[in-house]
N, C-alpha and C. Protein backbone atom coordinates (compact mmCIF):
# COMPACT_ATOMS: atom_id res chain seq x y z
N MET A 1 -14.14 69.97 77.55
CA MET A 1 -13.00 69.86 78.04
C MET A 1 -13.14 68.35 79.08
N LYS A 2 -14.33 68.46 80.01
CA LYS A 2 -14.39 67.28 80.43
C LYS A 2 -14.33 65.85 79.64
N THR A 3 -14.89 65.98 78.53
CA THR A 3 -14.83 65.12 77.31
C THR A 3 -13.33 64.49 76.77
N ILE A 4 -12.57 65.55 76.86
CA ILE A 4 -11.22 65.52 76.57
C ILE A 4 -10.35 64.58 77.76
N GLN A 5 -10.55 65.14 78.85
CA GLN A 5 -10.29 64.57 79.93
C GLN A 5 -10.44 62.96 79.95
N THR A 6 -11.83 62.85 80.24
CA THR A 6 -12.34 61.61 79.91
C THR A 6 -11.63 60.84 79.06
N PHE A 7 -11.47 61.25 77.50
CA PHE A 7 -10.99 60.51 76.74
C PHE A 7 -9.28 60.06 76.96
N PHE A 8 -8.55 60.90 77.68
CA PHE A 8 -7.01 60.67 77.90
C PHE A 8 -7.37 59.88 79.05
N VAL A 9 -7.98 59.96 79.98
CA VAL A 9 -7.84 58.91 80.96
C VAL A 9 -8.18 57.59 80.48
N ALA A 10 -9.17 57.31 79.53
CA ALA A 10 -9.46 56.36 78.93
C ALA A 10 -8.30 55.39 77.89
N ILE A 11 -7.70 56.28 77.25
CA ILE A 11 -6.42 55.98 76.52
C ILE A 11 -5.36 55.60 77.52
N ILE A 12 -5.17 56.25 78.43
CA ILE A 12 -4.06 55.78 79.72
C ILE A 12 -4.12 54.50 80.34
N THR A 13 -5.80 54.23 80.64
CA THR A 13 -6.13 53.02 80.97
C THR A 13 -6.14 52.02 80.29
N ILE A 14 -6.34 51.96 79.15
CA ILE A 14 -6.11 50.91 77.77
C ILE A 14 -4.50 50.63 77.77
N PHE A 15 -3.82 51.74 77.64
CA PHE A 15 -2.59 51.68 77.52
C PHE A 15 -1.86 50.76 78.57
N LEU A 16 -2.11 51.35 80.11
CA LEU A 16 -1.62 50.70 81.26
C LEU A 16 -1.86 48.95 81.13
N ALA A 17 -3.07 48.81 81.11
CA ALA A 17 -3.64 47.44 80.77
C ALA A 17 -3.15 46.46 79.90
N ALA A 18 -2.79 46.92 78.94
CA ALA A 18 -1.71 46.60 77.54
C ALA A 18 -0.82 46.10 78.01
N CYS A 19 0.28 47.21 78.83
CA CYS A 19 1.59 47.02 79.15
C CYS A 19 1.66 45.97 80.11
N ALA A 20 0.70 45.84 81.03
CA ALA A 20 0.76 44.93 82.37
C ALA A 20 0.39 43.51 81.62
N GLY A 21 -0.52 43.57 80.67
CA GLY A 21 -0.75 42.21 79.99
C GLY A 21 0.76 41.68 79.55
N SER A 22 1.53 42.47 78.73
CA SER A 22 2.48 42.14 77.75
C SER A 22 3.26 41.65 79.01
N GLU A 23 3.47 42.12 80.15
CA GLU A 23 4.52 41.52 81.22
C GLU A 23 4.20 40.41 81.52
N ASN A 24 2.95 40.01 81.71
CA ASN A 24 2.71 38.35 82.17
C ASN A 24 2.80 37.74 81.13
N ARG A 25 2.59 38.11 79.65
CA ARG A 25 3.00 37.17 78.79
C ARG A 25 4.48 36.96 78.42
N ASN A 26 5.25 38.00 78.81
CA ASN A 26 6.66 37.59 78.66
C ASN A 26 7.32 36.56 79.87
N ALA A 27 6.77 36.91 81.27
CA ALA A 27 6.85 36.19 82.21
C ALA A 27 6.50 34.71 82.07
N GLU A 28 5.48 34.38 81.50
CA GLU A 28 5.30 33.04 80.98
C GLU A 28 6.00 32.39 80.10
N LYS A 29 6.35 33.31 78.90
CA LYS A 29 7.38 32.77 78.17
C LYS A 29 8.93 32.56 79.08
N THR A 30 9.45 33.29 79.67
CA THR A 30 10.54 33.13 80.31
C THR A 30 10.45 31.77 81.23
N LYS A 31 9.49 31.74 81.84
CA LYS A 31 9.21 30.48 82.88
C LYS A 31 9.02 29.17 81.59
N VAL A 32 8.73 28.85 80.71
CA VAL A 32 8.61 27.82 79.75
C VAL A 32 10.20 27.86 79.47
N LYS A 33 10.86 29.07 79.12
CA LYS A 33 12.30 28.86 78.81
C LYS A 33 13.49 28.24 79.91
N ASP A 34 13.11 28.80 80.86
CA ASP A 34 13.94 28.47 81.94
C ASP A 34 14.06 26.89 82.70
N ALA A 35 12.46 26.29 82.20
CA ALA A 35 12.11 25.03 82.47
C ALA A 35 13.15 24.09 82.07
N GLY A 36 13.98 24.24 80.91
CA GLY A 36 14.90 23.44 80.60
C GLY A 36 16.16 23.60 80.97
N SER A 37 17.17 22.47 80.64
CA SER A 37 18.44 22.57 80.93
C SER A 37 19.22 23.50 80.26
N PRO A 38 19.96 24.33 80.25
CA PRO A 38 20.70 25.17 79.73
C PRO A 38 21.95 24.44 78.93
N THR A 39 22.18 25.00 77.59
CA THR A 39 22.84 24.15 76.83
C THR A 39 24.47 24.49 76.80
N GLU A 40 25.04 23.66 76.88
CA GLU A 40 26.77 23.85 77.14
C GLU A 40 27.40 23.28 76.15
N ASN A 41 28.14 24.29 75.38
CA ASN A 41 29.40 23.72 74.28
C ASN A 41 30.21 22.93 74.69
N ILE A 42 30.82 21.79 74.14
CA ILE A 42 31.78 21.23 74.45
C ILE A 42 32.75 21.20 73.35
N PRO A 43 33.87 21.43 74.35
CA PRO A 43 35.20 21.18 73.54
C PRO A 43 35.66 19.65 73.09
N PHE A 44 36.30 19.87 71.97
CA PHE A 44 36.84 18.55 71.80
C PHE A 44 37.82 18.64 70.69
N THR A 45 38.83 17.49 70.31
CA THR A 45 39.90 17.26 69.54
C THR A 45 39.46 16.24 68.44
N ILE A 46 39.71 16.64 67.20
CA ILE A 46 39.31 15.67 65.89
C ILE A 46 40.76 14.93 65.84
N ALA A 47 40.14 13.51 66.22
CA ALA A 47 41.69 12.41 66.34
C ALA A 47 41.78 12.30 64.83
N GLN A 48 43.42 12.26 64.54
CA GLN A 48 44.06 12.19 63.30
C GLN A 48 44.49 10.81 63.09
N ASN A 49 44.69 10.14 62.10
CA ASN A 49 46.14 9.23 61.68
C ASN A 49 45.19 7.90 62.31
N TYR A 50 44.19 7.57 61.90
CA TYR A 50 43.58 6.06 62.31
C TYR A 50 42.59 5.65 61.20
N PHE A 51 42.17 4.59 61.05
CA PHE A 51 41.25 4.16 60.02
C PHE A 51 40.56 2.94 60.39
N VAL A 52 39.34 3.07 59.59
CA VAL A 52 38.59 1.86 60.20
C VAL A 52 38.78 0.54 59.57
N LYS A 53 38.86 -0.19 60.38
CA LYS A 53 39.29 -1.48 60.10
C LYS A 53 38.17 -2.30 58.83
N SER A 54 38.98 -3.07 58.11
CA SER A 54 37.95 -3.71 57.19
C SER A 54 36.95 -4.83 57.92
N THR A 55 37.18 -5.15 58.95
CA THR A 55 36.41 -6.00 59.69
C THR A 55 35.15 -5.53 60.36
N PHE A 56 35.03 -4.10 60.41
CA PHE A 56 33.78 -3.46 60.77
C PHE A 56 32.87 -3.09 59.64
N THR A 57 31.63 -3.70 59.73
CA THR A 57 30.60 -3.71 58.95
C THR A 57 29.37 -3.09 59.48
N GLY A 58 28.80 -2.41 58.64
CA GLY A 58 27.56 -1.92 59.53
C GLY A 58 27.63 -0.62 59.77
N GLU A 59 26.83 -0.30 60.89
CA GLU A 59 26.92 1.10 61.34
C GLU A 59 27.18 0.73 63.08
N LEU A 60 27.59 1.80 63.63
CA LEU A 60 27.73 1.94 65.04
C LEU A 60 26.22 1.98 65.71
N ALA A 61 25.89 0.97 66.80
CA ALA A 61 24.85 1.18 67.46
C ALA A 61 24.85 2.52 68.42
N ASN A 62 25.87 2.96 68.81
CA ASN A 62 26.29 3.80 69.68
C ASN A 62 27.54 4.80 69.27
N PRO A 63 27.38 6.23 68.82
CA PRO A 63 28.16 6.68 68.38
C PRO A 63 29.51 6.87 69.64
N LYS A 64 29.25 6.76 70.71
CA LYS A 64 29.97 7.12 71.90
C LYS A 64 30.70 5.55 72.20
N ILE A 65 32.20 6.01 72.24
CA ILE A 65 32.98 4.66 72.65
C ILE A 65 33.90 5.08 73.77
N THR A 66 33.82 4.37 74.60
CA THR A 66 34.43 4.55 75.96
C THR A 66 35.29 3.68 76.52
N THR A 67 35.61 2.48 75.81
CA THR A 67 36.82 1.63 76.14
C THR A 67 37.87 1.51 75.03
N GLU A 68 39.16 1.51 75.20
CA GLU A 68 40.18 1.11 74.30
C GLU A 68 39.93 0.05 73.41
N ALA A 69 39.38 -1.40 74.21
CA ALA A 69 38.96 -2.45 73.49
C ALA A 69 37.91 -2.43 72.49
N GLU A 70 37.06 -1.53 72.70
CA GLU A 70 35.94 -1.04 71.65
C GLU A 70 36.35 -0.47 70.64
N PHE A 71 37.06 0.42 70.94
CA PHE A 71 37.88 1.44 69.91
C PHE A 71 38.79 0.80 68.95
N ASN A 72 39.64 -0.40 69.45
CA ASN A 72 40.47 -1.06 68.81
C ASN A 72 39.75 -2.15 67.97
N SER A 73 38.68 -2.44 68.31
CA SER A 73 38.17 -3.27 67.46
C SER A 73 37.51 -2.68 66.43
N ILE A 74 37.25 -1.41 65.97
CA ILE A 74 36.77 -0.80 64.76
C ILE A 74 38.01 -0.05 64.35
N PHE A 75 39.02 0.59 65.31
CA PHE A 75 39.67 1.44 64.14
C PHE A 75 41.22 0.87 64.48
N GLY A 76 42.31 1.35 63.72
CA GLY A 76 43.43 0.60 63.71
C GLY A 76 44.11 2.11 63.30
N MET A 77 45.63 2.41 64.13
CA MET A 77 46.35 3.25 63.75
C MET A 77 46.80 3.34 62.45
N ALA A 78 47.28 4.55 61.93
CA ALA A 78 47.67 4.87 60.73
C ALA A 78 48.92 5.66 60.86
N THR A 79 50.09 5.42 61.22
CA THR A 79 50.76 6.53 61.48
C THR A 79 51.85 6.64 60.07
N THR A 80 52.04 7.91 59.74
CA THR A 80 52.91 8.14 58.65
C THR A 80 53.69 9.24 58.81
N MET A 81 54.62 9.18 57.82
CA MET A 81 55.85 10.07 58.21
C MET A 81 55.77 11.53 58.63
N GLY A 82 56.50 12.13 59.03
CA GLY A 82 56.59 13.30 59.23
C GLY A 82 55.79 13.77 60.87
N SER A 83 56.15 15.20 61.31
CA SER A 83 55.64 15.59 62.70
C SER A 83 54.32 15.20 63.23
N GLY A 84 53.54 15.05 61.77
CA GLY A 84 52.01 15.05 62.13
C GLY A 84 51.55 13.74 61.84
N GLY A 85 52.44 12.73 61.84
CA GLY A 85 52.27 11.53 61.53
C GLY A 85 51.91 10.59 62.36
N LYS A 86 51.87 11.01 63.75
CA LYS A 86 51.33 9.96 64.70
C LYS A 86 50.15 9.80 65.06
N PRO A 87 49.13 9.05 65.48
CA PRO A 87 47.95 9.05 65.87
C PRO A 87 47.55 9.69 67.00
N THR A 88 46.51 10.75 66.85
CA THR A 88 46.16 11.39 68.04
C THR A 88 46.18 10.42 69.25
N PRO A 89 46.70 10.71 70.50
CA PRO A 89 46.70 9.80 71.75
C PRO A 89 45.32 10.14 72.61
N ILE A 90 44.64 9.03 72.64
CA ILE A 90 43.36 9.30 73.49
C ILE A 90 43.65 8.39 74.52
N ASP A 91 43.35 9.05 75.76
CA ASP A 91 43.13 8.38 77.41
C ASP A 91 41.81 7.95 77.62
N PHE A 92 41.50 6.53 77.68
CA PHE A 92 39.94 6.19 78.01
C PHE A 92 39.94 6.48 79.35
N ALA A 93 40.84 6.60 80.20
CA ALA A 93 40.52 6.68 81.33
C ALA A 93 40.17 8.22 81.71
N ASN A 94 40.43 9.24 80.89
CA ASN A 94 39.84 10.47 81.17
C ASN A 94 39.25 11.22 80.02
N GLN A 95 38.92 10.20 78.93
CA GLN A 95 38.45 10.58 77.97
C GLN A 95 37.31 10.04 77.26
N PHE A 96 36.50 10.33 76.21
CA PHE A 96 35.93 9.24 75.34
C PHE A 96 35.89 9.63 74.03
N VAL A 97 35.17 8.55 73.26
CA VAL A 97 35.30 9.09 71.37
C VAL A 97 33.85 9.30 71.23
N ILE A 98 33.53 9.99 70.40
CA ILE A 98 32.46 10.07 69.44
C ILE A 98 32.70 9.82 68.03
N ALA A 99 32.29 8.64 67.39
CA ALA A 99 32.60 8.59 66.07
C ALA A 99 31.32 8.65 65.13
N VAL A 100 31.59 9.15 64.00
CA VAL A 100 30.75 8.72 62.75
C VAL A 100 31.19 8.17 61.61
N ILE A 101 30.67 7.13 61.36
CA ILE A 101 31.05 6.19 60.23
C ILE A 101 30.32 6.26 59.22
N PRO A 102 29.99 6.75 58.15
CA PRO A 102 28.96 6.81 57.15
C PRO A 102 29.34 5.21 56.24
N SER A 103 28.51 4.73 55.39
CA SER A 103 28.55 3.68 54.66
C SER A 103 29.69 3.80 53.83
N LYS A 104 30.72 2.57 53.24
CA LYS A 104 31.67 2.75 52.45
C LYS A 104 31.02 3.32 51.31
N SER A 105 32.02 3.84 50.69
CA SER A 105 31.64 4.45 48.97
C SER A 105 32.59 4.65 48.13
N ASP A 106 32.47 4.68 46.62
CA ASP A 106 33.23 4.86 45.55
C ASP A 106 33.58 6.46 45.40
N SER A 107 33.32 7.35 46.31
CA SER A 107 33.22 8.69 46.17
C SER A 107 33.92 9.26 47.41
N THR A 108 34.68 10.25 47.38
CA THR A 108 35.28 11.09 48.65
C THR A 108 34.32 11.53 49.35
N ILE A 109 34.52 11.31 50.53
CA ILE A 109 33.31 11.79 51.47
C ILE A 109 34.12 12.53 52.60
N SER A 110 33.59 13.75 53.25
CA SER A 110 34.20 14.88 53.84
C SER A 110 33.26 14.88 55.13
N ILE A 111 33.70 14.87 56.21
CA ILE A 111 32.98 14.74 57.40
C ILE A 111 33.37 15.67 58.27
N SER A 112 32.54 16.69 58.81
CA SER A 112 33.08 17.70 59.58
C SER A 112 31.92 17.98 60.66
N ALA A 113 32.42 18.07 62.07
CA ALA A 113 31.86 18.40 63.32
C ALA A 113 31.27 19.93 63.22
N ASP A 114 29.87 20.15 63.32
CA ASP A 114 29.64 21.69 63.08
C ASP A 114 29.45 22.17 64.58
N ASP A 115 28.82 21.16 65.47
CA ASP A 115 28.49 21.50 66.88
C ASP A 115 28.40 20.48 67.79
N LEU A 116 28.97 20.77 68.89
CA LEU A 116 28.91 19.45 69.84
C LEU A 116 28.40 20.36 71.15
N SER A 117 27.34 19.84 71.81
CA SER A 117 26.88 20.63 73.02
C SER A 117 26.15 19.35 73.66
N LYS A 118 25.82 20.17 74.98
CA LYS A 118 25.08 19.22 75.86
C LYS A 118 24.12 20.08 76.67
N THR A 119 22.84 19.29 76.51
CA THR A 119 21.68 19.69 77.32
C THR A 119 21.26 18.80 78.31
N GLY A 120 20.98 19.14 79.81
CA GLY A 120 20.89 17.87 80.47
C GLY A 120 22.02 16.62 80.39
N ASN A 121 21.42 15.76 80.16
CA ASN A 121 22.34 14.46 80.05
C ASN A 121 22.50 13.88 78.65
N GLU A 122 22.04 14.88 77.55
CA GLU A 122 22.24 14.35 76.60
C GLU A 122 23.22 15.38 75.55
N ILE A 123 24.05 14.74 75.01
CA ILE A 123 24.85 15.42 74.18
C ILE A 123 24.64 15.41 72.72
N LEU A 124 24.65 16.23 71.90
CA LEU A 124 24.44 16.33 70.47
C LEU A 124 25.07 16.70 69.73
N LEU A 125 25.71 15.79 68.78
CA LEU A 125 26.79 16.28 67.80
C LEU A 125 26.04 16.55 66.27
N LYS A 126 26.54 17.83 65.85
CA LYS A 126 25.57 17.89 64.68
C LYS A 126 27.15 18.21 63.71
N TYR A 127 26.88 17.60 62.70
CA TYR A 127 27.59 17.51 61.70
C TYR A 127 27.26 17.28 60.22
N SER A 128 28.18 17.63 59.34
CA SER A 128 28.09 18.05 57.99
C SER A 128 28.91 16.58 57.25
N LEU A 129 28.04 16.13 56.09
CA LEU A 129 28.67 15.11 55.28
C LEU A 129 28.58 15.52 53.62
N THR A 130 29.89 15.84 52.95
CA THR A 130 30.05 16.45 51.65
C THR A 130 30.48 15.20 50.92
N LYS A 131 29.67 14.72 49.92
CA LYS A 131 30.24 13.56 48.97
C LYS A 131 31.18 14.43 47.57
N GLY A 132 32.23 14.05 47.32
CA GLY A 132 32.92 14.57 46.52
C GLY A 132 32.85 13.68 45.22
N GLU A 133 34.15 13.62 44.74
CA GLU A 133 34.02 12.93 43.39
C GLU A 133 34.32 11.40 43.23
N LYS A 134 33.98 11.09 42.15
CA LYS A 134 34.20 9.42 42.33
C LYS A 134 35.75 8.94 42.36
N GLN A 135 35.80 7.75 42.65
CA GLN A 135 37.33 7.30 42.95
C GLN A 135 37.08 5.64 42.15
N SER A 136 38.44 5.27 41.92
CA SER A 136 38.63 4.14 41.40
C SER A 136 38.19 2.90 42.31
N PHE A 137 38.16 3.14 43.41
CA PHE A 137 38.02 2.31 44.92
C PHE A 137 36.99 2.56 45.84
N ILE A 138 37.00 1.76 46.72
CA ILE A 138 35.94 1.76 47.34
C ILE A 138 36.76 2.49 49.26
N SER A 139 36.40 3.17 49.49
CA SER A 139 36.90 3.57 50.96
C SER A 139 35.94 4.05 51.99
N GLN A 140 36.43 3.92 52.91
CA GLN A 140 35.47 4.01 54.49
C GLN A 140 35.97 5.56 55.15
N SER A 141 35.04 6.65 55.31
CA SER A 141 35.63 7.73 55.59
C SER A 141 34.94 7.73 57.33
N TYR A 142 35.37 8.35 58.10
CA TYR A 142 35.13 8.43 59.63
C TYR A 142 35.07 10.27 60.04
N LEU A 143 34.66 10.40 61.24
CA LEU A 143 35.00 11.62 61.70
C LEU A 143 34.91 10.82 63.63
N LEU A 144 36.15 11.42 64.13
CA LEU A 144 36.44 11.15 65.54
C LEU A 144 36.73 12.06 66.31
N LEU A 145 35.87 12.21 67.28
CA LEU A 145 35.98 13.36 68.23
C LEU A 145 36.55 12.78 69.54
N VAL A 146 37.45 13.51 70.32
CA VAL A 146 38.33 12.96 71.65
C VAL A 146 37.62 14.03 72.71
N VAL A 147 36.75 13.69 73.47
CA VAL A 147 36.05 14.41 74.29
C VAL A 147 36.52 14.17 75.96
N ASP A 148 36.74 15.15 76.77
CA ASP A 148 36.91 14.86 78.29
C ASP A 148 35.79 14.12 78.78
N SER A 149 36.16 13.03 79.76
CA SER A 149 34.94 12.64 80.38
C SER A 149 34.32 13.17 81.39
N LYS A 150 34.70 14.55 81.80
CA LYS A 150 33.53 15.44 82.26
C LYS A 150 32.47 15.81 82.13
N TYR A 151 32.30 15.57 80.48
CA TYR A 151 31.22 15.82 79.73
C TYR A 151 30.14 14.85 79.39
N SER A 152 30.13 13.66 79.98
CA SER A 152 29.72 12.57 79.86
C SER A 152 28.13 12.42 79.69
N GLY A 153 27.58 11.86 78.99
CA GLY A 153 26.12 11.83 78.93
C GLY A 153 25.79 10.82 77.61
N ASP A 154 24.52 10.83 77.43
CA ASP A 154 23.95 9.87 75.99
C ASP A 154 24.31 10.76 74.77
N VAL A 155 24.90 10.43 74.06
CA VAL A 155 25.25 11.01 72.90
C VAL A 155 24.23 10.26 71.47
N LYS A 156 24.06 11.59 71.19
CA LYS A 156 23.22 11.60 69.54
C LYS A 156 23.88 12.30 68.80
N SER A 157 23.78 11.65 67.32
CA SER A 157 24.22 12.61 66.28
C SER A 157 23.08 12.95 65.46
N GLU A 158 23.45 14.07 64.73
CA GLU A 158 22.61 14.60 63.80
C GLU A 158 23.28 15.25 62.55
N ARG A 159 22.73 14.65 61.10
CA ARG A 159 23.56 15.37 60.44
C ARG A 159 22.71 16.33 59.72
N VAL A 160 23.16 17.41 59.54
CA VAL A 160 22.59 18.74 59.24
C VAL A 160 22.77 19.21 57.62
N ASN A 161 23.14 18.22 57.01
CA ASN A 161 23.22 18.75 55.49
C ASN A 161 22.73 17.57 54.62
């Protein structure tokens, strides 16, 4: 009987020690997770009815465009007929633009924004680029996101596919 009691006391002691150890490990993991800034999803509007000017060559040094002058040096307005034919309005006093401009191509290129989030002072745009059918001409695709200035930060873009 005494052997059985000693056995159960040993088992209970081992069990309690294991539980206490796992709580300490979880607390350490939580501290590491909480050390960074929280990630915040950023709302945006996709700008429509613009085109990349033929004078634009190369790549953007920074995907973030904060002034109308800089924007107008790269993009022009492409107004079309119909109710949705006007370019998306951009108020650079209260908004900025994040642009993705891949190389010119003789294939159709589709670009979509998968995620826009902010961690600390860094804004990260994750986007997908899909190459389609060949065309008989070369075109310049783009993606323009209009973002409220309250989400200001250093912008980085990352292609996910």
